[in-house]
Structures are given as structure tokens and as C-alpha cells.
N, C-alpha and C. Protein backbone atom coordinates (compact mmCIF):
# COMPACT_ATOMS: atom_id res chain seq x y z
N UNK A 1 0.94 -1.18 0.11
CA UNK A 1 0.03 0.10 -0.17
C UNK A 1 1.01 1.01 -0.01
N UNK A 2 0.86 2.24 -0.59
CA UNK A 2 1.43 3.75 -0.87
C UNK A 2 0.85 4.15 0.63
N UNK A 3 2.26 4.84 0.70
CA UNK A 3 1.66 5.56 1.78
C UNK A 3 1.66 7.03 1.76
N UNK A 4 0.70 8.00 2.31
CA UNK A 4 0.20 8.97 1.91
C UNK A 4 0.11 9.91 3.25
N UNK A 5 0.70 11.25 2.98
CA UNK A 5 0.80 12.08 3.69
C UNK A 5 0.01 12.93 4.07
N UNK A 6 -0.49 12.75 5.49
CA UNK A 6 -1.66 13.87 5.78
C UNK A 6 -1.07 15.26 6.01
N UNK A 7 -1.95 16.27 5.54
CA UNK A 7 -1.60 17.59 5.47
C UNK A 7 -2.15 18.45 6.67
N UNK A 8 -1.19 19.46 7.50
CA UNK A 8 -2.33 19.90 8.37
C UNK A 8 -2.59 21.12 8.02
N UNK A 9 -3.51 21.72 9.08
CA UNK A 9 -3.85 23.49 8.87
C UNK A 9 -2.05 23.77 9.34
N UNK A 10 -1.71 24.92 9.16
CA UNK A 10 -0.68 25.95 9.19
C UNK A 10 -1.02 26.70 10.35
N UNK A 11 -2.10 26.85 11.01
CA UNK A 11 -2.83 27.67 11.71
C UNK A 11 -3.70 26.60 12.67
N UNK A 12 -3.83 27.24 13.80
CA UNK A 12 -4.65 26.58 14.75
C UNK A 12 -6.26 27.34 14.76
N UNK A 13 -7.21 26.97 14.35
CA UNK A 13 -8.49 27.88 14.43
C UNK A 13 -9.74 26.85 14.80
N UNK A 14 -10.21 27.21 15.80
CA UNK A 14 -11.63 25.73 15.72
C UNK A 14 -12.85 26.54 14.73
N UNK A 15 -13.58 26.22 14.27
CA UNK A 15 -14.65 26.35 13.41
C UNK A 15 -15.88 26.29 14.46
N UNK A 16 -15.95 27.06 15.61
CA UNK A 16 -17.21 26.92 16.91
C UNK A 16 -18.21 26.32 16.32
N UNK A 17 -19.22 27.28 15.12
CA UNK A 17 -20.33 26.60 14.79
C UNK A 17 -20.05 25.15 13.86
N UNK A 18 -19.50 24.69 13.30
CA UNK A 18 -19.13 23.89 12.15
C UNK A 18 -19.01 22.71 13.95
N UNK A 19 -18.43 23.16 14.76
CA UNK A 19 -18.05 21.96 15.62
C UNK A 19 -19.40 21.74 16.56
N UNK A 20 -20.05 22.49 16.75
CA UNK A 20 -21.46 22.14 17.22
C UNK A 20 -22.32 21.59 17.05
N UNK A 21 -22.50 22.18 15.48
CA UNK A 21 -23.39 21.28 14.82
C UNK A 21 -23.46 19.76 14.55
N UNK A 22 -22.09 19.51 14.49
CA UNK A 22 -21.69 17.91 14.04
C UNK A 22 -22.14 17.44 15.57
N UNK A 23 -21.09 18.21 16.79
CA UNK A 23 -21.27 17.38 18.11
C UNK A 23 -22.77 17.20 18.61
N UNK A 24 -23.62 17.90 18.05
CA UNK A 24 -25.09 17.53 18.16
C UNK A 24 -25.95 16.55 17.08
N UNK A 25 -24.89 16.54 15.99
CA UNK A 25 -25.61 15.33 15.73
C UNK A 25 -24.77 13.81 15.88
N UNK A 26 -23.78 14.02 16.34
CA UNK A 26 -23.36 12.82 16.55
C UNK A 26 -23.58 11.76 17.51
N UNK A 27 -23.90 10.18 17.00
CA UNK A 27 -24.53 9.19 17.83
C UNK A 27 -23.86 8.77 19.12
N UNK A 28 -24.37 8.04 20.17
CA UNK A 28 -24.03 8.61 21.19
C UNK A 28 -22.95 7.02 21.36
N UNK A 29 -22.29 7.21 22.35
CA UNK A 29 -21.32 6.08 22.23
C UNK A 29 -21.61 4.73 21.97
N UNK A 30 -22.53 4.32 23.00
CA UNK A 30 -22.33 3.06 22.78
C UNK A 30 -23.16 2.43 21.82
N UNK A 31 -23.99 3.36 20.63
CA UNK A 31 -24.30 3.24 18.98
C UNK A 31 -23.10 2.79 18.52
N UNK A 32 -21.87 4.35 18.72
CA UNK A 32 -20.91 3.79 17.83
C UNK A 32 -20.00 2.41 18.20
N UNK A 33 -19.95 2.15 19.65
CA UNK A 33 -19.06 0.94 19.56
C UNK A 33 -19.79 -0.04 19.22
N UNK A 34 -21.17 -0.44 19.00
CA UNK A 34 -21.92 -1.58 18.21
C UNK A 34 -21.57 -1.37 16.91
N UNK A 35 -21.53 0.00 16.15
CA UNK A 35 -21.28 -0.38 14.79
C UNK A 35 -19.74 -0.82 14.44
N UNK A 36 -19.15 -0.30 15.44
CA UNK A 36 -17.57 -0.68 15.45
C UNK A 36 -17.66 -2.42 15.55
N UNK A 37 -18.03 -2.60 16.35
CA UNK A 37 -17.78 -4.48 16.35
C UNK A 37 -18.84 -4.67 15.16
N UNK A 38 -19.80 -3.91 14.75
CA UNK A 38 -20.46 -4.60 13.47
C UNK A 38 -19.47 -4.85 12.65
N UNK A 39 -18.34 -3.46 12.50
CA UNK A 39 -17.92 -3.70 11.00
C UNK A 39 -16.32 -4.80 11.23
N UNK A 40 -16.02 -4.71 12.60
CA UNK A 40 -14.59 -5.63 13.20
C UNK A 40 -15.26 -7.04 12.29
N UNK A 41 -16.18 -7.62 12.50
CA UNK A 41 -16.77 -8.67 12.23
C UNK A 41 -16.13 -9.14 10.54
N UNK A 42 -16.27 -7.99 9.79
CA UNK A 42 -15.54 -8.02 8.35
C UNK A 42 -14.12 -8.06 8.15
N UNK A 43 -13.65 -7.95 9.44
CA UNK A 43 -12.12 -7.73 9.19
C UNK A 43 -11.51 -9.12 9.36
N UNK A 44 -12.31 -10.51 9.00
CA UNK A 44 -11.65 -11.69 9.13
C UNK A 44 -12.15 -12.33 7.87
N UNK A 45 -10.82 -12.45 7.30
CA UNK A 45 -10.82 -13.30 5.70
C UNK A 45 -11.84 -14.56 5.76
N UNK A 46 -11.94 -15.35 6.81
CA UNK A 46 -12.68 -16.29 6.88
C UNK A 46 -14.42 -16.14 6.67
N UNK A 47 -14.71 -15.42 7.58
CA UNK A 47 -15.71 -14.78 7.67
C UNK A 47 -16.53 -14.06 6.31
N UNK A 48 -15.52 -13.07 6.13
CA UNK A 48 -15.95 -12.66 4.29
C UNK A 48 -16.19 -14.02 3.14
N UNK A 49 -14.98 -15.06 3.66
CA UNK A 49 -15.49 -15.81 2.47
C UNK A 49 -16.82 -16.47 2.79
N UNK A 50 -16.78 -16.93 4.38
CA UNK A 50 -18.46 -17.53 4.18
C UNK A 50 -19.35 -16.52 4.06
N UNK A 51 -19.62 -15.23 3.48
CA UNK A 51 -20.51 -14.31 3.40
C UNK A 51 -20.56 -14.28 1.87
N UNK A 52 -19.47 -14.76 1.18
CA UNK A 52 -19.34 -14.37 -0.12
C UNK A 52 -19.92 -15.84 -0.51
N UNK A 53 -19.58 -16.77 -0.16
CA UNK A 53 -20.50 -18.26 -0.13
C UNK A 53 -21.85 -18.20 0.18
N UNK A 54 -22.60 -17.75 1.04
CA UNK A 54 -23.55 -17.49 1.19
C UNK A 54 -24.37 -16.19 0.36
N UNK A 55 -23.85 -15.38 -0.22
CA UNK A 55 -24.48 -14.65 -1.22
C UNK A 55 -25.30 -15.73 -2.57
N UNK A 56 -24.15 -16.66 -2.58
CA UNK A 56 -24.19 -17.07 -3.67
C UNK A 56 -25.57 -18.40 -3.82
N UNK A 57 -25.59 -18.80 -2.38
CA UNK A 57 -26.23 -19.86 -2.34
C UNK A 57 -26.21 -20.41 -0.45
N UNK A 58 -27.86 -20.54 -0.35
CA UNK A 58 -28.12 -21.51 1.22
C UNK A 58 -27.15 -22.39 1.36
N UNK A 59 -26.56 -22.75 2.42
CA UNK A 59 -25.38 -24.19 2.64
C UNK A 59 -25.66 -24.37 4.05
N UNK A 60 -25.47 -25.63 4.09
CA UNK A 60 -25.12 -26.59 5.62
C UNK A 60 -23.45 -26.33 5.82
N UNK A 61 -23.03 -26.58 6.82
CA UNK A 61 -21.81 -26.24 7.42
C UNK A 61 -21.16 -27.48 6.44
N UNK A 62 -21.60 -28.62 6.26
CA UNK A 62 -20.73 -29.50 5.80
C UNK A 62 -20.31 -29.11 4.20
N UNK A 63 -21.37 -28.07 3.50
CA UNK A 63 -21.04 -28.02 2.07
C UNK A 63 -20.20 -26.62 2.31
N UNK A 64 -20.13 -25.70 3.20
CA UNK A 64 -19.40 -24.56 3.14
C UNK A 64 -17.95 -25.23 3.74
N UNK A 65 -17.79 -25.65 4.56
CA UNK A 65 -16.31 -26.78 4.33
C UNK A 65 -15.58 -27.05 3.61
N UNK A 66 -16.47 -28.03 2.63
CA UNK A 66 -15.96 -28.43 1.43
C UNK A 66 -15.80 -27.17 0.59
N UNK A 67 -16.70 -26.23 0.23
CA UNK A 67 -16.24 -25.40 -0.57
C UNK A 67 -14.91 -24.28 -0.19
N UNK A 68 -14.99 -23.94 1.40
CA UNK A 68 -13.78 -23.30 1.16
C UNK A 68 -12.75 -24.07 2.09
N UNK A 69 -12.40 -25.50 2.01
CA UNK A 69 -11.90 -26.41 2.12
C UNK A 69 -11.11 -26.38 3.65
N UNK A 70 -12.04 -26.14 4.69
CA UNK A 70 -11.69 -25.88 6.04
C UNK A 70 -12.81 -26.78 6.69
N UNK A 71 -12.44 -27.13 8.53
CA UNK A 71 -12.76 -28.27 8.79
C UNK A 71 -14.35 -27.51 9.34
N UNK A 72 -15.41 -28.35 9.62
CA UNK A 72 -16.78 -28.55 10.11
C UNK A 72 -16.55 -27.20 11.18
N UNK A 73 -15.63 -27.75 12.17
CA UNK A 73 -15.60 -27.06 13.49
C UNK A 73 -15.17 -25.66 13.50
N UNK A 74 -13.93 -25.28 12.35
CA UNK A 74 -13.63 -23.87 12.01
C UNK A 74 -15.04 -22.65 11.29
N UNK A 75 -15.48 -23.74 10.49
CA UNK A 75 -16.87 -22.71 9.71
C UNK A 75 -17.89 -22.82 11.42
N UNK A 76 -17.92 -23.83 11.78
CA UNK A 76 -19.18 -23.57 13.10
C UNK A 76 -18.52 -22.51 13.97
N UNK A 77 -17.71 -22.10 14.67
CA UNK A 77 -16.81 -21.15 15.09
C UNK A 77 -17.62 -19.90 14.41
N UNK A 78 -17.01 -19.90 13.14
CA UNK A 78 -17.08 -18.73 12.37
C UNK A 78 -18.59 -17.99 12.47
N UNK A 79 -19.83 -19.31 12.16
CA UNK A 79 -20.93 -18.85 12.03
C UNK A 79 -21.43 -18.45 13.18
N UNK A 80 -21.15 -19.25 13.95
CA UNK A 80 -21.37 -18.47 15.33
C UNK A 80 -21.30 -16.92 15.47
N UNK A 81 -20.33 -16.69 14.80
CA UNK A 81 -19.95 -14.95 15.64
C UNK A 81 -20.75 -14.47 14.04
N UNK A 82 -21.06 -14.43 13.32
CA UNK A 82 -21.78 -14.23 12.34
C UNK A 82 -22.77 -14.07 12.61
N UNK A 83 -23.91 -14.87 13.24
CA UNK A 83 -24.56 -15.28 13.82
C UNK A 83 -25.15 -14.28 14.76
N UNK A 84 -24.45 -14.11 15.73
CA UNK A 84 -24.33 -13.51 16.95
C UNK A 84 -24.80 -12.03 16.33
N UNK A 85 -23.97 -11.19 15.35
CA UNK A 85 -24.17 -10.42 14.63
C UNK A 85 -25.19 -9.83 13.99
N UNK A 86 -26.13 -10.65 13.99
CA UNK A 86 -27.21 -11.03 12.78
C UNK A 86 -27.02 -10.87 11.80
N UNK A 87 -25.67 -11.39 10.86
CA UNK A 87 -25.27 -11.75 9.82
C UNK A 87 -25.40 -12.48 8.63
N UNK A 88 -25.82 -13.61 9.61
CA UNK A 88 -26.37 -15.26 8.62
C UNK A 88 -27.53 -15.47 9.63
N UNK A 89 -28.21 -16.26 9.03
CA UNK A 89 -29.66 -16.95 10.11
C UNK A 89 -29.21 -18.64 9.74
N UNK A 90 -30.14 -19.09 10.23
CA UNK A 90 -29.94 -21.05 10.01
C UNK A 90 -31.28 -21.20 10.05
N UNK A 91 -32.01 -22.21 9.19
CA UNK A 91 -33.18 -23.06 9.14
C UNK A 91 -32.56 -24.45 9.35
N UNK A 92 -33.61 -25.39 10.09
CA UNK A 92 -33.09 -26.82 9.89
C UNK A 92 -34.58 -27.47 9.11
N UNK A 93 -33.61 -28.53 8.39
CA UNK A 93 -34.68 -29.16 7.64
C UNK A 93 -34.23 -30.70 7.55
N UNK A 94 -35.27 -31.59 8.50
CA UNK A 94 -35.00 -32.66 9.26
C UNK A 94 -33.51 -32.83 9.91
N UNK A 95 -32.18 -33.43 9.58
CA UNK A 95 -30.94 -33.16 10.41
C UNK A 95 -30.03 -32.47 9.99
N UNK A 96 -30.39 -31.74 8.71
CA UNK A 96 -29.37 -30.60 8.53
C UNK A 96 -29.90 -29.05 8.73
N UNK A 97 -28.80 -28.18 9.20
CA UNK A 97 -29.28 -26.52 9.03
C UNK A 97 -28.48 -25.95 8.11
N UNK A 98 -29.60 -25.49 7.52
CA UNK A 98 -28.83 -24.38 6.53
C UNK A 98 -28.59 -23.06 6.86
N UNK A 99 -27.68 -22.20 6.37
CA UNK A 99 -27.02 -21.06 6.85
C UNK A 99 -27.83 -20.35 5.51
N UNK A 100 -27.83 -19.02 5.80
CA UNK A 100 -27.93 -17.98 4.37
C UNK A 100 -28.00 -16.63 4.78
N UNK A 101 -27.71 -15.41 4.73
CA UNK A 101 -27.29 -14.31 4.75
C UNK A 101 -28.54 -13.81 5.56
N UNK A 102 -28.34 -12.88 6.19
CA UNK A 102 -29.51 -12.64 7.42
C UNK A 102 -30.71 -11.98 6.39
N UNK A 103 -30.17 -10.85 5.59
CA UNK A 103 -31.09 -9.62 4.94
C UNK A 103 -30.24 -9.37 3.80
N UNK A 104 -31.29 -8.39 2.95
CA UNK A 104 -30.03 -8.01 1.25
C UNK A 104 -29.16 -7.14 1.81
N UNK A 105 -29.37 -6.27 3.24
CA UNK A 105 -28.15 -5.41 4.17
C UNK A 105 -26.69 -5.76 3.84
N UNK A 106 -26.49 -7.15 4.19
CA UNK A 106 -25.35 -7.86 3.80
C UNK A 106 -25.04 -7.68 2.60
N UNK A 107 -25.76 -8.58 1.49
CA UNK A 107 -25.44 -8.35 0.40
C UNK A 107 -24.85 -6.75 -0.21
N UNK A 108 -25.43 -5.84 0.30
CA UNK A 108 -25.01 -4.58 -0.30
C UNK A 108 -23.82 -4.32 0.41
N UNK A 109 -23.53 -4.42 1.56
CA UNK A 109 -22.09 -4.41 2.53
C UNK A 109 -21.27 -4.77 1.56
N UNK A 110 -21.18 -6.01 1.54
CA UNK A 110 -20.19 -6.81 0.53
C UNK A 110 -19.84 -5.90 -0.78
N UNK A 111 -21.13 -5.98 -1.08
CA UNK A 111 -20.65 -5.21 -2.98
C UNK A 111 -20.25 -3.76 -3.05
N UNK A 112 -20.92 -2.92 -1.89
CA UNK A 112 -20.02 -1.61 -2.00
C UNK A 112 -19.20 -1.67 -1.81
N UNK A 113 -18.45 -2.73 -0.35
CA UNK A 113 -17.10 -3.39 -0.44
C UNK A 113 -15.67 -3.41 -1.42
N UNK A 114 -16.48 -4.35 -2.10
CA UNK A 114 -15.92 -4.76 -3.30
C UNK A 114 -15.60 -3.69 -4.53
N UNK A 115 -16.88 -3.00 -4.64
CA UNK A 115 -16.77 -1.75 -5.71
C UNK A 115 -16.01 -0.55 -5.06
N UNK A 116 -15.42 -0.44 -3.48
CA UNK A 116 -14.49 0.60 -3.10
C UNK A 116 -13.51 -0.02 -3.74
N UNK A 117 -12.83 -1.33 -3.16
CA UNK A 117 -11.75 -1.92 -3.51
C UNK A 117 -11.10 -1.81 -4.57
N UNK A 118 -12.05 -1.94 -5.62
CA UNK A 118 -11.80 -2.23 -6.96
C UNK A 118 -11.66 -1.06 -7.77
N UNK A 119 -12.16 0.11 -7.18
CA UNK A 119 -12.07 1.31 -8.39
C UNK A 119 -10.72 1.51 -8.78
């Protein structure tokens, strides 16, 4: 990655009106922490791979493990995290549990992220 220098102001001057306006619109700390935790989930390449697979098709743990060439245990661990963050949901059909994306927002987040990094 190319190192980019950040430019700073040559003088210190606080634009009080802009600062007050933005402060008034900032979400509270708890909500910001939840948002940060939500995005942390996307910081793991295995979880991203699982989400990309589920973008294409609903799958059980066995199928996910086969597609990603991983153990069922490793897949289950990551699915637990994704389910806790409400990114995936599951349904049972007999003895098989199928996983899918929780909703269309997840597809949008992944698609926009891909679009951003490939620009």
C-alpha cells in the first residue's frame, strides 16, 4: 500500500459553529461501539469468504467446509460469530441446518466494499 502523507492546517483555528453542529448530530457512544463491533466482523477473511459463499447459495456447514476447504469446526466457530452479529440466519430441515444471509443489507455491504476496493 502506498504511504500517503496527511496535510494539517498551518494555524490553529476552531470553527465553533461547525463543531457544535456536528457534535449535536453525533450518535451516542454505545451506538458507535456497536457499529465498530459490527464492522470488526468483516475484518476476518474467513468470515468474508463464508458471507461470499452465502451470497451465492444457502448452505449447510458440511457444504461450506467443502467449498472453503476448511474443517466443519472452523466453519461452525465463524458462523457462531456471524449469527451473533445478525449477519446470517439458519433453518433446520430434518437433521440438516442450512445457513443463509440474514437480509439484503449484507449483500449491499459486501458489494459496496468490493466496488470500493476495485475502483
